[in-house]
Amino acid sequence: MPDVARERLSKLFKDRQIVRFVDLKDIGLGSREIDRLVSREVLEKVGHGAYRLSDAEAPSTWLSFAVLAVRHPEAIICLDSAAAYYGFTTANPINVHAAFPYNSSIPSSRSPSVQGVRWQEKSMTLGIETVTVANTPVKITSKARTVVDLLRAAERSGDKELALEVLKSYVNEGEPIRDLSRYAKALNREKSIRPYLDAVQAFRM
């Protein structure tokens, strides 16, 4: 690889571990050269249109979150994936569970494979935090918001096993119950979730 290209590549990856195909194109690398760098193990393709340096530090367990965030900055990690990130469940979802703006399309890429939901504007801003994965900012629902979302989903599907496991983990970690009530009220789900919250309050007394 020419020194100029190597220098540009070094600058591109200076503050981030994952870049898009278009970012590589912007520094003057063509499709064939990018493929050649992958074959020579200079670059590693970590998802559809996403790359990292092959000699970078070992990838994070949550690398798929970062890949999704690079390609879709608007995406919010939620539900099962958020619960797994916080250690609230031993389940490891095959797909990345993520929320997208209501009027947008859900990515069909298999790398990472996304199980998406569409949320209205209020849901896209309520209880959303940003964590760093592989030097990449990733949006994710807060711990309390994650629990409330899973309880809401359980009420609709009737499958409450995961939601109850996550609620129990949340309580055992000493997280504030008032935050659950606040998000349930803000999302107009306080009535359906109230029995769970009352049970938790009784458990803590």
N, C-alpha and C. Protein backbone atom coordinates (compact mmCIF):
# COMPACT_ATOMS: atom_id res chain seq x y z
N MET A 1 0.85 -1.19 0.00
CA MET A 1 0.00 0.00 0.00
C MET A 1 0.88 1.24 0.00
N PRO A 2 0.64 2.21 -0.87
CA PRO A 2 1.43 3.43 -0.94
C PRO A 2 1.42 4.16 0.40
N ASP A 3 2.50 4.89 0.67
CA ASP A 3 2.61 5.59 1.95
C ASP A 3 1.50 6.61 2.15
N VAL A 4 1.08 7.28 1.06
CA VAL A 4 0.02 8.28 1.16
C VAL A 4 -1.28 7.63 1.60
N ALA A 5 -1.61 6.48 0.99
CA ALA A 5 -2.83 5.77 1.36
C ALA A 5 -2.74 5.27 2.80
N ARG A 6 -1.56 4.80 3.19
CA ARG A 6 -1.38 4.30 4.56
C ARG A 6 -1.57 5.43 5.56
N GLU A 7 -1.06 6.61 5.23
CA GLU A 7 -1.20 7.76 6.12
C GLU A 7 -2.66 8.18 6.24
N ARG A 8 -3.37 8.19 5.12
CA ARG A 8 -4.79 8.54 5.14
C ARG A 8 -5.59 7.53 5.95
N LEU A 9 -5.25 6.28 5.82
CA LEU A 9 -5.94 5.22 6.56
C LEU A 9 -5.70 5.38 8.05
N SER A 10 -4.46 5.71 8.40
CA SER A 10 -4.10 5.90 9.80
C SER A 10 -4.89 7.06 10.41
N LYS A 11 -5.03 8.15 9.67
CA LYS A 11 -5.78 9.31 10.16
C LYS A 11 -7.26 8.97 10.31
N LEU A 12 -7.78 8.20 9.35
CA LEU A 12 -9.20 7.84 9.38
C LEU A 12 -9.55 7.05 10.63
N PHE A 13 -8.66 6.15 11.04
CA PHE A 13 -8.92 5.29 12.19
C PHE A 13 -8.37 5.85 13.49
N LYS A 14 -7.88 7.07 13.47
CA LYS A 14 -7.23 7.63 14.66
C LYS A 14 -8.16 7.65 15.87
N ASP A 15 -9.40 8.09 15.66
CA ASP A 15 -10.32 8.25 16.79
C ASP A 15 -11.51 7.30 16.75
N ARG A 16 -11.47 6.31 15.89
CA ARG A 16 -12.58 5.37 15.81
C ARG A 16 -12.09 4.01 15.35
N GLN A 17 -12.83 2.99 15.70
CA GLN A 17 -12.43 1.63 15.36
C GLN A 17 -13.18 1.08 14.16
N ILE A 18 -14.32 1.67 13.85
CA ILE A 18 -15.14 1.18 12.74
C ILE A 18 -15.45 2.32 11.79
N VAL A 19 -15.28 2.07 10.50
CA VAL A 19 -15.61 3.08 9.49
C VAL A 19 -16.50 2.46 8.43
N ARG A 20 -17.18 3.31 7.68
CA ARG A 20 -18.06 2.85 6.61
C ARG A 20 -17.30 2.74 5.30
N PHE A 21 -17.87 2.00 4.39
CA PHE A 21 -17.31 1.87 3.05
C PHE A 21 -17.13 3.24 2.42
N VAL A 22 -18.12 4.11 2.59
CA VAL A 22 -18.06 5.44 2.00
C VAL A 22 -16.94 6.27 2.60
N ASP A 23 -16.59 6.02 3.88
CA ASP A 23 -15.47 6.75 4.50
C ASP A 23 -14.15 6.37 3.83
N LEU A 24 -14.01 5.09 3.50
CA LEU A 24 -12.81 4.63 2.81
C LEU A 24 -12.74 5.20 1.40
N LYS A 25 -13.88 5.30 0.76
CA LYS A 25 -13.94 5.89 -0.58
C LYS A 25 -13.55 7.36 -0.52
N ASP A 26 -13.95 8.04 0.55
CA ASP A 26 -13.70 9.47 0.68
C ASP A 26 -12.21 9.79 0.81
N ILE A 27 -11.40 8.82 1.27
CA ILE A 27 -9.96 9.08 1.37
C ILE A 27 -9.22 8.55 0.14
N GLY A 28 -9.98 8.20 -0.89
CA GLY A 28 -9.36 7.85 -2.16
C GLY A 28 -9.16 6.38 -2.43
N LEU A 29 -9.74 5.51 -1.59
CA LEU A 29 -9.60 4.08 -1.82
C LEU A 29 -10.75 3.58 -2.69
N GLY A 30 -10.42 2.86 -3.76
CA GLY A 30 -11.44 2.30 -4.63
C GLY A 30 -11.90 0.94 -4.13
N SER A 31 -12.95 0.44 -4.72
CA SER A 31 -13.52 -0.84 -4.29
C SER A 31 -12.50 -1.97 -4.36
N ARG A 32 -11.75 -2.04 -5.44
CA ARG A 32 -10.77 -3.10 -5.59
C ARG A 32 -9.67 -3.00 -4.55
N GLU A 33 -9.24 -1.76 -4.27
CA GLU A 33 -8.18 -1.58 -3.27
C GLU A 33 -8.69 -1.96 -1.88
N ILE A 34 -9.92 -1.64 -1.60
CA ILE A 34 -10.50 -2.01 -0.30
C ILE A 34 -10.56 -3.54 -0.18
N ASP A 35 -11.00 -4.21 -1.25
CA ASP A 35 -11.04 -5.68 -1.24
C ASP A 35 -9.64 -6.26 -1.07
N ARG A 36 -8.67 -5.61 -1.69
CA ARG A 36 -7.28 -6.08 -1.60
C ARG A 36 -6.76 -5.94 -0.17
N LEU A 37 -7.12 -4.84 0.49
CA LEU A 37 -6.69 -4.63 1.88
C LEU A 37 -7.34 -5.65 2.81
N VAL A 38 -8.56 -6.04 2.49
CA VAL A 38 -9.22 -7.08 3.28
C VAL A 38 -8.53 -8.42 3.07
N SER A 39 -8.21 -8.75 1.82
CA SER A 39 -7.56 -10.03 1.52
C SER A 39 -6.16 -10.10 2.12
N ARG A 40 -5.51 -8.95 2.24
CA ARG A 40 -4.17 -8.91 2.84
C ARG A 40 -4.22 -8.74 4.35
N GLU A 41 -5.42 -8.75 4.90
CA GLU A 41 -5.67 -8.66 6.34
C GLU A 41 -5.17 -7.35 6.95
N VAL A 42 -5.20 -6.30 6.14
CA VAL A 42 -4.96 -4.95 6.65
C VAL A 42 -6.27 -4.43 7.25
N LEU A 43 -7.35 -4.70 6.53
CA LEU A 43 -8.70 -4.35 6.99
C LEU A 43 -9.50 -5.62 7.26
N GLU A 44 -10.45 -5.50 8.16
CA GLU A 44 -11.37 -6.60 8.44
C GLU A 44 -12.79 -6.10 8.23
N LYS A 45 -13.56 -6.80 7.44
CA LYS A 45 -14.96 -6.43 7.22
C LYS A 45 -15.77 -6.98 8.38
N VAL A 46 -16.39 -6.09 9.14
CA VAL A 46 -17.11 -6.52 10.35
C VAL A 46 -18.62 -6.44 10.19
N GLY A 47 -19.07 -6.05 9.02
CA GLY A 47 -20.49 -5.96 8.75
C GLY A 47 -20.69 -5.42 7.36
N HIS A 48 -21.92 -5.40 6.93
CA HIS A 48 -22.20 -4.88 5.59
C HIS A 48 -21.81 -3.41 5.51
N GLY A 49 -20.78 -3.11 4.69
CA GLY A 49 -20.34 -1.73 4.54
C GLY A 49 -19.61 -1.17 5.74
N ALA A 50 -19.05 -2.03 6.61
CA ALA A 50 -18.35 -1.57 7.81
C ALA A 50 -17.02 -2.30 7.95
N TYR A 51 -15.97 -1.56 8.34
CA TYR A 51 -14.62 -2.12 8.39
C TYR A 51 -13.88 -1.65 9.63
N ARG A 52 -12.89 -2.45 10.05
CA ARG A 52 -11.99 -2.08 11.13
C ARG A 52 -10.59 -2.52 10.74
N LEU A 53 -9.57 -2.00 11.40
CA LEU A 53 -8.20 -2.45 11.16
C LEU A 53 -8.03 -3.85 11.74
N SER A 54 -7.39 -4.70 11.00
CA SER A 54 -7.25 -6.10 11.44
C SER A 54 -6.39 -6.21 12.70
N ASP A 55 -5.44 -5.27 12.87
CA ASP A 55 -4.55 -5.37 14.04
C ASP A 55 -5.04 -4.52 15.21
N ALA A 56 -6.29 -4.07 15.15
CA ALA A 56 -6.86 -3.31 16.26
C ALA A 56 -7.08 -4.23 17.44
N GLU A 57 -7.36 -3.65 18.60
CA GLU A 57 -7.59 -4.46 19.80
C GLU A 57 -8.78 -5.39 19.58
N ALA A 58 -8.82 -6.44 20.37
CA ALA A 58 -9.88 -7.45 20.23
C ALA A 58 -11.25 -6.77 20.22
N PRO A 59 -12.12 -7.18 19.30
CA PRO A 59 -13.43 -6.53 19.20
C PRO A 59 -14.28 -6.73 20.45
N SER A 60 -15.09 -5.73 20.74
CA SER A 60 -16.00 -5.79 21.89
C SER A 60 -17.06 -6.86 21.68
N THR A 61 -17.55 -7.38 22.80
CA THR A 61 -18.66 -8.33 22.75
C THR A 61 -19.85 -7.71 22.03
N TRP A 62 -19.95 -6.40 22.14
CA TRP A 62 -21.09 -5.68 21.58
C TRP A 62 -20.73 -4.98 20.27
N LEU A 63 -19.77 -5.54 19.54
CA LEU A 63 -19.31 -4.93 18.29
C LEU A 63 -20.46 -4.70 17.31
N SER A 64 -21.43 -5.62 17.29
CA SER A 64 -22.56 -5.47 16.36
C SER A 64 -23.34 -4.19 16.64
N PHE A 65 -23.36 -3.75 17.91
CA PHE A 65 -24.03 -2.50 18.24
C PHE A 65 -23.33 -1.33 17.55
N ALA A 66 -21.99 -1.36 17.62
CA ALA A 66 -21.20 -0.29 17.03
C ALA A 66 -21.34 -0.27 15.51
N VAL A 67 -21.35 -1.46 14.91
CA VAL A 67 -21.51 -1.55 13.46
C VAL A 67 -22.84 -0.94 13.04
N LEU A 68 -23.89 -1.26 13.79
CA LEU A 68 -25.20 -0.71 13.47
C LEU A 68 -25.21 0.80 13.65
N ALA A 69 -24.57 1.29 14.71
CA ALA A 69 -24.56 2.73 14.99
C ALA A 69 -23.79 3.50 13.92
N VAL A 70 -22.73 2.92 13.41
CA VAL A 70 -21.95 3.58 12.36
C VAL A 70 -22.79 3.73 11.10
N ARG A 71 -23.52 2.68 10.77
CA ARG A 71 -24.32 2.69 9.54
C ARG A 71 -25.66 3.40 9.71
N HIS A 72 -26.19 3.35 10.96
CA HIS A 72 -27.51 3.95 11.22
C HIS A 72 -27.45 4.69 12.57
N PRO A 73 -26.90 5.89 12.59
CA PRO A 73 -26.74 6.64 13.85
C PRO A 73 -28.05 6.88 14.59
N GLU A 74 -29.16 6.82 13.87
CA GLU A 74 -30.46 7.06 14.50
C GLU A 74 -30.97 5.86 15.29
N ALA A 75 -30.37 4.69 15.08
CA ALA A 75 -30.84 3.46 15.73
C ALA A 75 -30.62 3.51 17.24
N ILE A 76 -31.55 2.91 17.97
CA ILE A 76 -31.46 2.85 19.43
C ILE A 76 -31.52 1.38 19.85
N ILE A 77 -30.49 0.90 20.51
CA ILE A 77 -30.48 -0.46 21.02
C ILE A 77 -31.54 -0.57 22.12
N CYS A 78 -32.37 -1.60 22.06
CA CYS A 78 -33.49 -1.68 23.00
C CYS A 78 -33.87 -3.13 23.29
N LEU A 79 -34.91 -3.28 24.11
CA LEU A 79 -35.53 -4.58 24.41
C LEU A 79 -34.49 -5.64 24.79
N ASP A 80 -34.53 -6.81 24.14
CA ASP A 80 -33.67 -7.94 24.53
C ASP A 80 -32.19 -7.57 24.50
N SER A 81 -31.77 -6.82 23.48
CA SER A 81 -30.35 -6.48 23.34
C SER A 81 -29.90 -5.54 24.45
N ALA A 82 -30.74 -4.57 24.80
CA ALA A 82 -30.39 -3.66 25.89
C ALA A 82 -30.33 -4.42 27.21
N ALA A 83 -31.26 -5.34 27.42
CA ALA A 83 -31.28 -6.13 28.66
C ALA A 83 -30.00 -6.97 28.76
N ALA A 84 -29.56 -7.55 27.65
CA ALA A 84 -28.34 -8.34 27.65
C ALA A 84 -27.12 -7.46 27.93
N TYR A 85 -27.10 -6.26 27.36
CA TYR A 85 -25.98 -5.33 27.57
C TYR A 85 -25.84 -4.99 29.06
N TYR A 86 -26.96 -4.77 29.73
CA TYR A 86 -26.92 -4.40 31.14
C TYR A 86 -26.72 -5.61 32.06
N GLY A 87 -26.70 -6.81 31.50
CA GLY A 87 -26.51 -8.00 32.31
C GLY A 87 -27.76 -8.41 33.06
N PHE A 88 -28.92 -7.96 32.58
CA PHE A 88 -30.18 -8.28 33.24
C PHE A 88 -30.71 -9.66 32.85
N THR A 89 -30.12 -10.28 31.85
CA THR A 89 -30.57 -11.59 31.39
C THR A 89 -29.38 -12.41 30.92
N THR A 90 -29.51 -13.73 31.05
CA THR A 90 -28.46 -14.61 30.54
C THR A 90 -28.69 -14.94 29.07
N ALA A 91 -29.85 -14.55 28.55
CA ALA A 91 -30.15 -14.80 27.14
C ALA A 91 -29.28 -13.91 26.25
N ASN A 92 -28.83 -14.46 25.14
CA ASN A 92 -27.99 -13.70 24.21
C ASN A 92 -28.71 -13.65 22.86
N PRO A 93 -29.40 -12.55 22.57
CA PRO A 93 -30.18 -12.48 21.34
C PRO A 93 -29.33 -12.67 20.09
N ILE A 94 -29.85 -13.44 19.14
CA ILE A 94 -29.15 -13.65 17.88
C ILE A 94 -29.14 -12.37 17.06
N ASN A 95 -30.27 -11.67 17.07
CA ASN A 95 -30.40 -10.42 16.32
C ASN A 95 -30.18 -9.23 17.24
N VAL A 96 -29.81 -8.11 16.64
CA VAL A 96 -29.72 -6.87 17.39
C VAL A 96 -31.10 -6.22 17.42
N HIS A 97 -31.65 -6.06 18.62
CA HIS A 97 -32.96 -5.42 18.75
C HIS A 97 -32.74 -3.92 18.80
N ALA A 98 -33.35 -3.21 17.85
CA ALA A 98 -33.12 -1.77 17.76
C ALA A 98 -34.39 -1.06 17.30
N ALA A 99 -34.52 0.18 17.76
CA ALA A 99 -35.66 1.01 17.39
C ALA A 99 -35.24 2.07 16.37
N PHE A 100 -36.18 2.39 15.49
CA PHE A 100 -35.93 3.38 14.44
C PHE A 100 -37.11 4.35 14.40
N PRO A 101 -36.87 5.56 13.88
CA PRO A 101 -37.97 6.52 13.77
C PRO A 101 -39.17 5.92 13.04
N TYR A 102 -40.35 6.33 13.44
CA TYR A 102 -41.59 5.70 12.96
C TYR A 102 -41.72 5.70 11.44
N ASN A 103 -41.30 6.77 10.81
CA ASN A 103 -41.47 6.88 9.35
C ASN A 103 -40.27 6.39 8.55
N SER A 104 -39.31 5.76 9.21
CA SER A 104 -38.12 5.27 8.51
C SER A 104 -38.27 3.78 8.22
N SER A 105 -37.36 3.27 7.42
CA SER A 105 -37.36 1.84 7.11
C SER A 105 -36.39 1.11 8.03
N ILE A 106 -36.67 -0.16 8.28
CA ILE A 106 -35.80 -0.98 9.13
C ILE A 106 -34.78 -1.68 8.24
N PRO A 107 -33.49 -1.59 8.57
CA PRO A 107 -32.46 -2.21 7.74
C PRO A 107 -32.70 -3.70 7.54
N SER A 108 -32.45 -4.16 6.33
CA SER A 108 -32.63 -5.58 6.02
C SER A 108 -31.31 -6.34 6.02
N SER A 109 -30.22 -5.65 6.36
CA SER A 109 -28.90 -6.26 6.34
C SER A 109 -28.82 -7.42 7.34
N ARG A 110 -28.05 -8.44 7.00
CA ARG A 110 -27.84 -9.57 7.90
C ARG A 110 -26.54 -9.43 8.68
N SER A 111 -25.83 -8.35 8.50
CA SER A 111 -24.55 -8.18 9.17
C SER A 111 -24.42 -6.75 9.67
N PRO A 112 -24.92 -6.42 10.87
CA PRO A 112 -25.60 -7.36 11.76
C PRO A 112 -27.06 -7.56 11.37
N SER A 113 -27.60 -8.69 11.83
CA SER A 113 -29.01 -8.97 11.61
C SER A 113 -29.82 -8.17 12.63
N VAL A 114 -30.77 -7.40 12.13
CA VAL A 114 -31.51 -6.48 12.99
C VAL A 114 -32.97 -6.91 13.13
N GLN A 115 -33.43 -6.94 14.37
CA GLN A 115 -34.86 -7.11 14.64
C GLN A 115 -35.35 -5.75 15.09
N GLY A 116 -35.97 -5.04 14.17
CA GLY A 116 -36.29 -3.65 14.42
C GLY A 116 -37.73 -3.37 14.77
N VAL A 117 -37.93 -2.27 15.46
CA VAL A 117 -39.25 -1.75 15.76
C VAL A 117 -39.24 -0.27 15.39
N ARG A 118 -40.42 0.27 15.13
CA ARG A 118 -40.53 1.69 14.83
C ARG A 118 -41.20 2.41 15.99
N TRP A 119 -40.60 3.51 16.41
CA TRP A 119 -41.13 4.27 17.53
C TRP A 119 -41.49 5.68 17.10
N GLN A 120 -42.51 6.23 17.75
CA GLN A 120 -42.85 7.63 17.57
C GLN A 120 -41.76 8.51 18.18
N GLU A 121 -41.80 9.79 17.85
CA GLU A 121 -40.74 10.71 18.27
C GLU A 121 -40.52 10.72 19.78
N LYS A 122 -41.60 10.70 20.56
CA LYS A 122 -41.45 10.74 22.01
C LYS A 122 -40.68 9.53 22.52
N SER A 123 -40.98 8.37 21.99
CA SER A 123 -40.31 7.15 22.42
C SER A 123 -38.84 7.13 21.99
N MET A 124 -38.51 7.89 20.94
CA MET A 124 -37.14 7.93 20.45
C MET A 124 -36.24 8.85 21.29
N THR A 125 -36.84 9.57 22.24
CA THR A 125 -36.05 10.49 23.07
C THR A 125 -36.18 10.21 24.57
N LEU A 126 -37.20 9.50 24.97
CA LEU A 126 -37.46 9.26 26.39
C LEU A 126 -36.56 8.15 26.95
N GLY A 127 -35.74 8.49 27.93
CA GLY A 127 -34.91 7.49 28.57
C GLY A 127 -33.85 6.90 27.66
N ILE A 128 -33.27 7.71 26.81
CA ILE A 128 -32.24 7.25 25.88
C ILE A 128 -30.88 7.74 26.36
N GLU A 129 -29.92 6.83 26.42
CA GLU A 129 -28.57 7.16 26.83
C GLU A 129 -27.60 6.83 25.70
N THR A 130 -26.37 7.29 25.85
CA THR A 130 -25.34 6.99 24.86
C THR A 130 -24.17 6.30 25.56
N VAL A 131 -23.79 5.14 25.07
CA VAL A 131 -22.63 4.42 25.58
C VAL A 131 -21.58 4.34 24.46
N THR A 132 -20.36 4.01 24.83
CA THR A 132 -19.30 3.91 23.84
C THR A 132 -18.91 2.46 23.64
N VAL A 133 -18.99 2.00 22.41
CA VAL A 133 -18.59 0.63 22.05
C VAL A 133 -17.61 0.73 20.88
N ALA A 134 -16.43 0.19 21.06
CA ALA A 134 -15.40 0.25 20.01
C ALA A 134 -15.20 1.69 19.52
N ASN A 135 -15.08 2.61 20.48
CA ASN A 135 -14.87 4.03 20.19
C ASN A 135 -16.02 4.65 19.39
N THR A 136 -17.17 4.03 19.44
CA THR A 136 -18.32 4.49 18.67
C THR A 136 -19.47 4.81 19.62
N PRO A 137 -20.06 6.01 19.52
CA PRO A 137 -21.23 6.32 20.35
C PRO A 137 -22.44 5.50 19.91
N VAL A 138 -23.05 4.84 20.86
CA VAL A 138 -24.20 3.97 20.58
C VAL A 138 -25.36 4.40 21.46
N LYS A 139 -26.51 4.66 20.84
CA LYS A 139 -27.71 5.00 21.61
C LYS A 139 -28.36 3.74 22.15
N ILE A 140 -28.82 3.81 23.39
CA ILE A 140 -29.43 2.64 24.02
C ILE A 140 -30.45 3.10 25.05
N THR A 141 -31.51 2.34 25.23
CA THR A 141 -32.48 2.68 26.27
C THR A 141 -31.84 2.52 27.64
N SER A 142 -32.22 3.37 28.58
CA SER A 142 -31.69 3.29 29.94
C SER A 142 -32.16 1.99 30.59
N LYS A 143 -31.60 1.69 31.73
CA LYS A 143 -31.97 0.45 32.43
C LYS A 143 -33.47 0.42 32.72
N ALA A 144 -33.98 1.50 33.31
CA ALA A 144 -35.41 1.53 33.67
C ALA A 144 -36.29 1.49 32.44
N ARG A 145 -35.93 2.24 31.42
CA ARG A 145 -36.73 2.25 30.18
C ARG A 145 -36.75 0.86 29.56
N THR A 146 -35.62 0.16 29.61
CA THR A 146 -35.54 -1.20 29.06
C THR A 146 -36.51 -2.14 29.76
N VAL A 147 -36.56 -2.05 31.08
CA VAL A 147 -37.47 -2.90 31.85
C VAL A 147 -38.92 -2.60 31.47
N VAL A 148 -39.28 -1.34 31.42
CA VAL A 148 -40.65 -0.95 31.08
C VAL A 148 -41.01 -1.41 29.68
N ASP A 149 -40.09 -1.25 28.73
CA ASP A 149 -40.37 -1.69 27.36
C ASP A 149 -40.62 -3.19 27.28
N LEU A 150 -39.85 -3.95 28.03
CA LEU A 150 -40.01 -5.41 28.01
C LEU A 150 -41.31 -5.83 28.69
N LEU A 151 -41.70 -5.13 29.74
CA LEU A 151 -42.99 -5.42 30.38
C LEU A 151 -44.14 -5.09 29.44
N ARG A 152 -44.01 -4.00 28.71
CA ARG A 152 -45.04 -3.63 27.71
C ARG A 152 -45.14 -4.71 26.64
N ALA A 153 -43.97 -5.16 26.16
CA ALA A 153 -43.95 -6.17 25.10
C ALA A 153 -44.54 -7.48 25.62
N ALA A 154 -44.27 -7.81 26.88
CA ALA A 154 -44.78 -9.05 27.47
C ALA A 154 -46.30 -9.02 27.57
N GLU A 155 -46.86 -7.86 27.88
CA GLU A 155 -48.31 -7.73 27.98
C GLU A 155 -48.97 -7.99 26.63
N ARG A 156 -48.29 -7.60 25.56
CA ARG A 156 -48.85 -7.80 24.22
C ARG A 156 -48.70 -9.23 23.74
N SER A 157 -47.53 -9.83 24.03
CA SER A 157 -47.25 -11.17 23.51
C SER A 157 -47.72 -12.29 24.42
N GLY A 158 -47.82 -12.00 25.71
CA GLY A 158 -48.20 -13.02 26.68
C GLY A 158 -47.01 -13.82 27.19
N ASP A 159 -45.83 -13.60 26.60
CA ASP A 159 -44.62 -14.30 27.02
C ASP A 159 -43.88 -13.41 28.02
N LYS A 160 -44.03 -13.72 29.30
CA LYS A 160 -43.53 -12.83 30.35
C LYS A 160 -42.21 -13.29 30.97
N GLU A 161 -41.67 -14.42 30.52
CA GLU A 161 -40.49 -15.00 31.16
C GLU A 161 -39.30 -14.04 31.17
N LEU A 162 -38.95 -13.49 29.99
CA LEU A 162 -37.81 -12.59 29.91
C LEU A 162 -38.06 -11.32 30.69
N ALA A 163 -39.24 -10.76 30.56
CA ALA A 163 -39.55 -9.50 31.23
C ALA A 163 -39.43 -9.64 32.75
N LEU A 164 -39.91 -10.74 33.29
CA LEU A 164 -39.84 -10.95 34.73
C LEU A 164 -38.40 -11.19 35.19
N GLU A 165 -37.62 -11.88 34.36
CA GLU A 165 -36.20 -12.09 34.68
C GLU A 165 -35.48 -10.74 34.75
N VAL A 166 -35.76 -9.89 33.77
CA VAL A 166 -35.12 -8.58 33.71
C VAL A 166 -35.57 -7.69 34.87
N LEU A 167 -36.86 -7.73 35.19
CA LEU A 167 -37.37 -6.95 36.32
C LEU A 167 -36.71 -7.39 37.62
N LYS A 168 -36.59 -8.69 37.80
CA LYS A 168 -35.94 -9.22 39.01
C LYS A 168 -34.50 -8.76 39.11
N SER A 169 -33.77 -8.81 38.00
CA SER A 169 -32.37 -8.37 37.99
C SER A 169 -32.27 -6.89 38.32
N TYR A 170 -33.18 -6.10 37.76
CA TYR A 170 -33.20 -4.66 38.01
C TYR A 170 -33.38 -4.38 39.51
N VAL A 171 -34.33 -5.09 40.10
CA VAL A 171 -34.61 -4.91 41.53
C VAL A 171 -33.42 -5.36 42.37
N ASN A 172 -32.85 -6.51 42.05
CA ASN A 172 -31.73 -7.05 42.81
C ASN A 172 -30.50 -6.15 42.77
N GLU A 173 -30.38 -5.35 41.71
CA GLU A 173 -29.26 -4.42 41.61
C GLU A 173 -29.52 -3.12 42.38
N GLY A 174 -30.70 -3.02 42.96
CA GLY A 174 -31.03 -1.83 43.75
C GLY A 174 -31.36 -0.61 42.94
N GLU A 175 -31.77 -0.81 41.70
CA GLU A 175 -32.13 0.32 40.84
C GLU A 175 -33.45 0.93 41.33
N PRO A 176 -33.65 2.23 41.14
CA PRO A 176 -34.85 2.91 41.67
C PRO A 176 -36.16 2.51 40.98
N ILE A 177 -37.12 2.08 41.78
CA ILE A 177 -38.44 1.69 41.28
C ILE A 177 -39.18 2.91 40.73
N ARG A 178 -38.93 4.08 41.33
CA ARG A 178 -39.63 5.29 40.88
C ARG A 178 -39.37 5.58 39.40
N ASP A 179 -38.19 5.18 38.90
CA ASP A 179 -37.90 5.40 37.48
C ASP A 179 -38.79 4.54 36.59
N LEU A 180 -39.11 3.34 37.05
CA LEU A 180 -40.02 2.47 36.30
C LEU A 180 -41.40 3.12 36.22
N SER A 181 -41.86 3.64 37.35
CA SER A 181 -43.18 4.29 37.39
C SER A 181 -43.20 5.52 36.48
N ARG A 182 -42.10 6.26 36.49
CA ARG A 182 -42.04 7.48 35.68
C ARG A 182 -42.12 7.17 34.19
N TYR A 183 -41.36 6.16 33.74
CA TYR A 183 -41.40 5.82 32.32
C TYR A 183 -42.72 5.17 31.92
N ALA A 184 -43.26 4.35 32.81
CA ALA A 184 -44.55 3.72 32.51
C ALA A 184 -45.64 4.78 32.34
N LYS A 185 -45.61 5.79 33.19
CA LYS A 185 -46.59 6.88 33.10
C LYS A 185 -46.39 7.69 31.82
N ALA A 186 -45.14 8.00 31.51
CA ALA A 186 -44.84 8.80 30.32
C ALA A 186 -45.23 8.08 29.04
N LEU A 187 -45.18 6.75 29.06
CA LEU A 187 -45.51 5.96 27.88
C LEU A 187 -46.96 5.47 27.89
N ASN A 188 -47.73 5.99 28.85
CA ASN A 188 -49.16 5.63 28.95
C ASN A 188 -49.37 4.13 29.16
N ARG A 189 -48.51 3.53 29.93
CA ARG A 189 -48.63 2.10 30.21
C ARG A 189 -48.64 1.82 31.71
N GLU A 190 -48.90 2.85 32.51
CA GLU A 190 -48.83 2.70 33.96
C GLU A 190 -49.85 1.69 34.48
N LYS A 191 -51.05 1.70 33.91
CA LYS A 191 -52.11 0.80 34.39
C LYS A 191 -51.76 -0.66 34.17
N SER A 192 -51.23 -0.99 32.99
CA SER A 192 -50.93 -2.39 32.69
C SER A 192 -49.70 -2.89 33.43
N ILE A 193 -48.80 -1.98 33.76
CA ILE A 193 -47.56 -2.38 34.42
C ILE A 193 -47.65 -2.25 35.94
N ARG A 194 -48.65 -1.52 36.43
CA ARG A 194 -48.78 -1.27 37.86
C ARG A 194 -48.74 -2.52 38.73
N PRO A 195 -49.40 -3.65 38.35
CA PRO A 195 -49.33 -4.84 39.20
C PRO A 195 -47.89 -5.32 39.45
N TYR A 196 -47.04 -5.22 38.42
CA TYR A 196 -45.65 -5.63 38.59
C TYR A 196 -44.92 -4.70 39.55
N LEU A 197 -45.18 -3.40 39.41
CA LEU A 197 -44.51 -2.43 40.27
C LEU A 197 -44.97 -2.55 41.71
N ASP A 198 -46.27 -2.82 41.91
CA ASP A 198 -46.78 -3.00 43.27
C ASP A 198 -46.15 -4.24 43.91
N ALA A 199 -45.99 -5.28 43.13
CA ALA A 199 -45.37 -6.50 43.65
C ALA A 199 -43.92 -6.25 44.04
N VAL A 200 -43.23 -5.44 43.24
CA VAL A 200 -41.83 -5.12 43.54
C VAL A 200 -41.74 -4.28 44.81
N GLN A 201 -42.64 -3.31 44.94
CA GLN A 201 -42.64 -2.47 46.14
C GLN A 201 -42.87 -3.31 47.38
N ALA A 202 -43.79 -4.26 47.30
CA ALA A 202 -44.08 -5.13 48.44
C ALA A 202 -42.87 -6.00 48.78
N PHE A 203 -42.17 -6.43 47.75
CA PHE A 203 -40.99 -7.27 47.93
C PHE A 203 -39.90 -6.50 48.67
N ARG A 204 -39.81 -5.19 48.42
CA ARG A 204 -38.74 -4.38 49.02
C ARG A 204 -39.07 -3.91 50.43
N MET A 205 -40.35 -3.99 50.83
CA MET A 205 -40.74 -3.50 52.15
C MET A 205 -40.23 -4.43 53.26
